[in-house]
């Protein structure tokens, strides 16, 4: 739904992320988006591992070999439809949804929570979802 922009997602809209559990307990991460400047779909496959208590939504994620980054779910609705996810610092933030839209009340609550802990929410990129993936 929204993100703080960084070079790996720049110029992407119609972004999706799919997570699936692997037999060894790791999580397969498949990110896909349409690069509107290059006019083509792009995809990245990565892996995630739980950090600490596996019941906590705290992961380390890697798309580039042995290098991992923090990925922490800091808010989620009671039906697991929407989530506020942050990295290990205030440069990385995503608002996720199982659908291409999010209720305004959830959106505002997540933006306010992020702002309260130091994120530059005025810099959020609100992702378009106007294409079907190939």
C-alpha atoms as a PDB file:
ATOM      1  CA  UNK A   1       0.000   0.000   0.000  1.00  0.00           C
ATOM      2  CA  UNK A   2       2.790   2.411   0.956  1.00  0.00           C
ATOM      3  CA  UNK A   3       6.527   2.493   1.581  1.00  0.00           C
ATOM      4  CA  UNK A   4       9.436   4.740   2.232  1.00  0.00           C
ATOM      5  CA  UNK A   5      11.263   4.648  -1.086  1.00  0.00           C
ATOM      6  CA  UNK A   6      14.688   3.147  -1.486  1.00  0.00           C
ATOM      7  CA  UNK A   7      16.707   2.036  -4.487  1.00  0.00           C
ATOM      8  CA  UNK A   8      15.452  -1.564  -4.685  1.00  0.00           C
ATOM      9  CA  UNK A   9      11.804  -0.515  -5.012  1.00  0.00           C
ATOM     10  CA  UNK A  10      12.215   2.832  -6.756  1.00  0.00           C
ATOM     11  CA  UNK A  11       9.928   3.312  -9.780  1.00  0.00           C
ATOM     12  CA  UNK A  12       7.850   0.253  -8.863  1.00  0.00           C
ATOM     13  CA  UNK A  13       4.096   0.201  -8.566  1.00  0.00           C
ATOM     14  CA  UNK A  14       1.665  -2.734  -8.422  1.00  0.00           C
ATOM     15  CA  UNK A  15       4.003  -4.216  -5.836  1.00  0.00           C
ATOM     16  CA  UNK A  16       3.201  -7.545  -4.206  1.00  0.00           C
ATOM     17  CA  UNK A  17       4.994  -9.638  -1.617  1.00  0.00           C
ATOM     18  CA  UNK A  18       4.325 -13.343  -1.156  1.00  0.00           C
ATOM     19  CA  UNK A  19       5.626 -15.279   1.819  1.00  0.00           C
ATOM     20  CA  UNK A  20       5.720 -19.066   2.086  1.00  0.00           C
ATOM     21  CA  UNK A  21       7.130 -21.378   4.733  1.00  0.00           C
ATOM     22  CA  UNK A  22       9.935 -23.671   3.626  1.00  0.00           C
ATOM     23  CA  UNK A  23      10.511 -27.169   5.056  1.00  0.00           C
ATOM     24  CA  UNK A  24      13.541 -25.972   7.055  1.00  0.00           C
ATOM     25  CA  UNK A  25      11.542 -23.257   8.859  1.00  0.00           C
ATOM     26  CA  UNK A  26      12.853 -20.389   6.742  1.00  0.00           C
ATOM     27  CA  UNK A  27      10.428 -18.196   4.832  1.00  0.00           C
ATOM     28  CA  UNK A  28      10.589 -17.697   1.065  1.00  0.00           C
ATOM     29  CA  UNK A  29       9.960 -14.065   0.110  1.00  0.00           C
ATOM     30  CA  UNK A  30       8.910 -13.170  -3.412  1.00  0.00           C
ATOM     31  CA  UNK A  31       8.599  -9.458  -4.179  1.00  0.00           C
ATOM     32  CA  UNK A  32       7.262  -8.329  -7.535  1.00  0.00           C
ATOM     33  CA  UNK A  33       6.425  -4.968  -9.034  1.00  0.00           C
ATOM     34  CA  UNK A  34       5.955  -3.121 -12.292  1.00  0.00           C
ATOM     35  CA  UNK A  35       8.772  -0.705 -13.150  1.00  0.00           C
ATOM     36  CA  UNK A  36       6.838   2.103 -14.808  1.00  0.00           C
ATOM     37  CA  UNK A  37      10.014   3.748 -16.153  1.00  0.00           C
ATOM     38  CA  UNK A  38      11.358   0.567 -17.798  1.00  0.00           C
ATOM     39  CA  UNK A  39       7.818  -0.655 -18.586  1.00  0.00           C
ATOM     40  CA  UNK A  40       8.467  -4.174 -17.321  1.00  0.00           C
ATOM     41  CA  UNK A  41       7.804  -6.446 -14.349  1.00  0.00           C
ATOM     42  CA  UNK A  42      10.647  -7.019 -11.888  1.00  0.00           C
ATOM     43  CA  UNK A  43      10.981  -9.708  -9.268  1.00  0.00           C
ATOM     44  CA  UNK A  44      13.259 -10.432  -6.314  1.00  0.00           C
ATOM     45  CA  UNK A  45      13.411 -13.704  -4.405  1.00  0.00           C
ATOM     46  CA  UNK A  46      14.746 -13.696  -0.885  1.00  0.00           C
ATOM     47  CA  UNK A  47      14.615 -15.550   2.373  1.00  0.00           C
ATOM     48  CA  UNK A  48      13.652 -14.647   5.901  1.00  0.00           C
ATOM     49  CA  UNK A  49      14.421 -16.218   9.255  1.00  0.00           C
ATOM     50  CA  UNK A  50      12.763 -15.617  12.615  1.00  0.00           C
ATOM     51  CA  UNK A  51      14.843 -13.699  15.157  1.00  0.00           C
ATOM     52  CA  UNK A  52      14.341 -14.510  18.820  1.00  0.00           C
ATOM     53  CA  UNK A  53      10.972 -15.868  19.884  1.00  0.00           C
ATOM     54  CA  UNK A  54       9.364 -17.454  16.789  1.00  0.00           C
ATOM     55  CA  UNK A  55       5.957 -16.245  18.018  1.00  0.00           C
ATOM     56  CA  UNK A  56       7.098 -12.633  17.539  1.00  0.00           C
ATOM     57  CA  UNK A  57       6.828 -11.055  14.106  1.00  0.00           C
ATOM     58  CA  UNK A  58      10.519 -10.202  14.010  1.00  0.00           C
ATOM     59  CA  UNK A  59      12.532 -11.460  11.069  1.00  0.00           C
ATOM     60  CA  UNK A  60      15.808 -10.966   9.304  1.00  0.00           C
ATOM     61  CA  UNK A  61      15.462 -10.867   5.531  1.00  0.00           C
ATOM     62  CA  UNK A  62      18.046 -11.352   2.799  1.00  0.00           C
ATOM     63  CA  UNK A  63      17.856 -10.796  -0.933  1.00  0.00           C
ATOM     64  CA  UNK A  64      21.625 -10.603  -1.409  1.00  0.00           C
ATOM     65  CA  UNK A  65      23.492 -13.630  -0.125  1.00  0.00           C
ATOM     66  CA  UNK A  66      24.721 -13.474   3.441  1.00  0.00           C
ATOM     67  CA  UNK A  67      23.499  -9.919   4.096  1.00  0.00           C
ATOM     68  CA  UNK A  68      20.386  -9.630   6.255  1.00  0.00           C
ATOM     69  CA  UNK A  69      18.228  -6.681   7.281  1.00  0.00           C
ATOM     70  CA  UNK A  70      15.653  -6.334  10.043  1.00  0.00           C
ATOM     71  CA  UNK A  71      11.953  -6.760   9.240  1.00  0.00           C
ATOM     72  CA  UNK A  72       9.613  -6.141  12.135  1.00  0.00           C
ATOM     73  CA  UNK A  73       5.818  -6.182  12.203  1.00  0.00           C
ATOM     74  CA  UNK A  74       4.914  -3.472  14.710  1.00  0.00           C
ATOM     75  CA  UNK A  75       1.158  -3.322  14.074  1.00  0.00           C
ATOM     76  CA  UNK A  76      -1.345  -5.757  12.652  1.00  0.00           C
ATOM     77  CA  UNK A  77      -5.125  -5.823  12.673  1.00  0.00           C
ATOM     78  CA  UNK A  78      -7.006  -8.555  14.511  1.00  0.00           C
ATOM     79  CA  UNK A  79      -7.890 -10.354  11.259  1.00  0.00           C
ATOM     80  CA  UNK A  80      -4.333 -10.285   9.855  1.00  0.00           C
ATOM     81  CA  UNK A  81      -5.354  -8.239   6.816  1.00  0.00           C
ATOM     82  CA  UNK A  82      -3.124  -5.157   7.288  1.00  0.00           C
ATOM     83  CA  UNK A  83       0.326  -4.672   8.781  1.00  0.00           C
ATOM     84  CA  UNK A  84       2.806  -1.935   9.563  1.00  0.00           C
ATOM     85  CA  UNK A  85       6.334  -3.224   9.000  1.00  0.00           C
ATOM     86  CA  UNK A  86       9.592  -1.435   9.737  1.00  0.00           C
ATOM     87  CA  UNK A  87      13.266  -2.140   9.254  1.00  0.00           C
ATOM     88  CA  UNK A  88      16.029  -1.824  11.796  1.00  0.00           C
ATOM     89  CA  UNK A  89      16.044   1.968  11.470  1.00  0.00           C
ATOM     90  CA  UNK A  90      13.734   4.756  10.303  1.00  0.00           C
ATOM     91  CA  UNK A  91      14.759   4.444   6.631  1.00  0.00           C
ATOM     92  CA  UNK A  92      12.567   1.395   5.973  1.00  0.00           C
ATOM     93  CA  UNK A  93       8.815   1.184   6.413  1.00  0.00           C
ATOM     94  CA  UNK A  94       5.925  -0.513   4.625  1.00  0.00           C
ATOM     95  CA  UNK A  95       2.168  -0.559   5.038  1.00  0.00           C
ATOM     96  CA  UNK A  96       0.967  -3.927   3.773  1.00  0.00           C
ATOM     97  CA  UNK A  97      -2.472  -5.261   2.898  1.00  0.00           C
ATOM     98  CA  UNK A  98      -3.796  -8.573   1.638  1.00  0.00           C
ATOM     99  CA  UNK A  99      -5.815  -6.554  -0.879  1.00  0.00           C
ATOM    100  CA  UNK A 100      -4.970  -3.532  -3.036  1.00  0.00           C
ATOM    101  CA  UNK A 101      -6.822  -1.156  -0.717  1.00  0.00           C
ATOM    102  CA  UNK A 102      -6.853  -0.382   2.989  1.00  0.00           C
ATOM    103  CA  UNK A 103      -9.511   1.301   5.123  1.00  0.00           C
ATOM    104  CA  UNK A 104      -8.787   4.968   5.764  1.00  0.00           C
ATOM    105  CA  UNK A 105      -8.979   4.402   9.535  1.00  0.00           C
ATOM    106  CA  UNK A 106      -6.264   1.707   9.420  1.00  0.00           C
ATOM    107  CA  UNK A 107      -4.137   3.814   7.081  1.00  0.00           C
ATOM    108  CA  UNK A 108      -4.299   6.835   9.395  1.00  0.00           C
ATOM    109  CA  UNK A 109      -3.628   4.746  12.514  1.00  0.00           C
ATOM    110  CA  UNK A 110      -0.518   3.198  10.955  1.00  0.00           C
ATOM    111  CA  UNK A 111       0.756   6.541   9.652  1.00  0.00           C
ATOM    112  CA  UNK A 112       0.288   8.127  13.091  1.00  0.00           C
ATOM    113  CA  UNK A 113       2.038   5.221  14.842  1.00  0.00           C
ATOM    114  CA  UNK A 114       4.982   5.428  12.436  1.00  0.00           C
ATOM    115  CA  UNK A 115       5.219   9.199  12.792  1.00  0.00           C
ATOM    116  CA  UNK A 116       5.162   8.926  16.597  1.00  0.00           C
ATOM    117  CA  UNK A 117       8.238   6.701  16.567  1.00  0.00           C
ATOM    118  CA  UNK A 118      10.231   8.908  14.192  1.00  0.00           C
ATOM    119  CA  UNK A 119       9.390   7.917  10.615  1.00  0.00           C
ATOM    120  CA  UNK A 120       9.145  10.638   7.950  1.00  0.00           C
ATOM    121  CA  UNK A 121       5.628   9.720   6.920  1.00  0.00           C
ATOM    122  CA  UNK A 122       5.346  12.703   4.572  1.00  0.00           C
ATOM    123  CA  UNK A 123       7.860  10.835   2.373  1.00  0.00           C
ATOM    124  CA  UNK A 124       5.658   7.765   1.962  1.00  0.00           C
ATOM    125  CA  UNK A 125       5.117   6.500  -1.580  1.00  0.00           C
ATOM    126  CA  UNK A 126       1.485   5.423  -2.002  1.00  0.00           C
ATOM    127  CA  UNK A 127       1.694   2.525  -4.440  1.00  0.00           C
ATOM    128  CA  UNK A 128      -0.630   2.330  -7.444  1.00  0.00           C
ATOM    129  CA  UNK A 129      -2.387  -0.980  -8.033  1.00  0.00           C
ATOM    130  CA  UNK A 130      -3.770  -0.607 -11.528  1.00  0.00           C
ATOM    131  CA  UNK A 131      -2.262  -3.566 -13.449  1.00  0.00           C
ATOM    132  CA  UNK A 132      -2.504  -7.310 -13.392  1.00  0.00           C
ATOM    133  CA  UNK A 133       0.729  -9.241 -13.091  1.00  0.00           C
ATOM    134  CA  UNK A 134       1.816 -11.250 -16.137  1.00  0.00           C
END
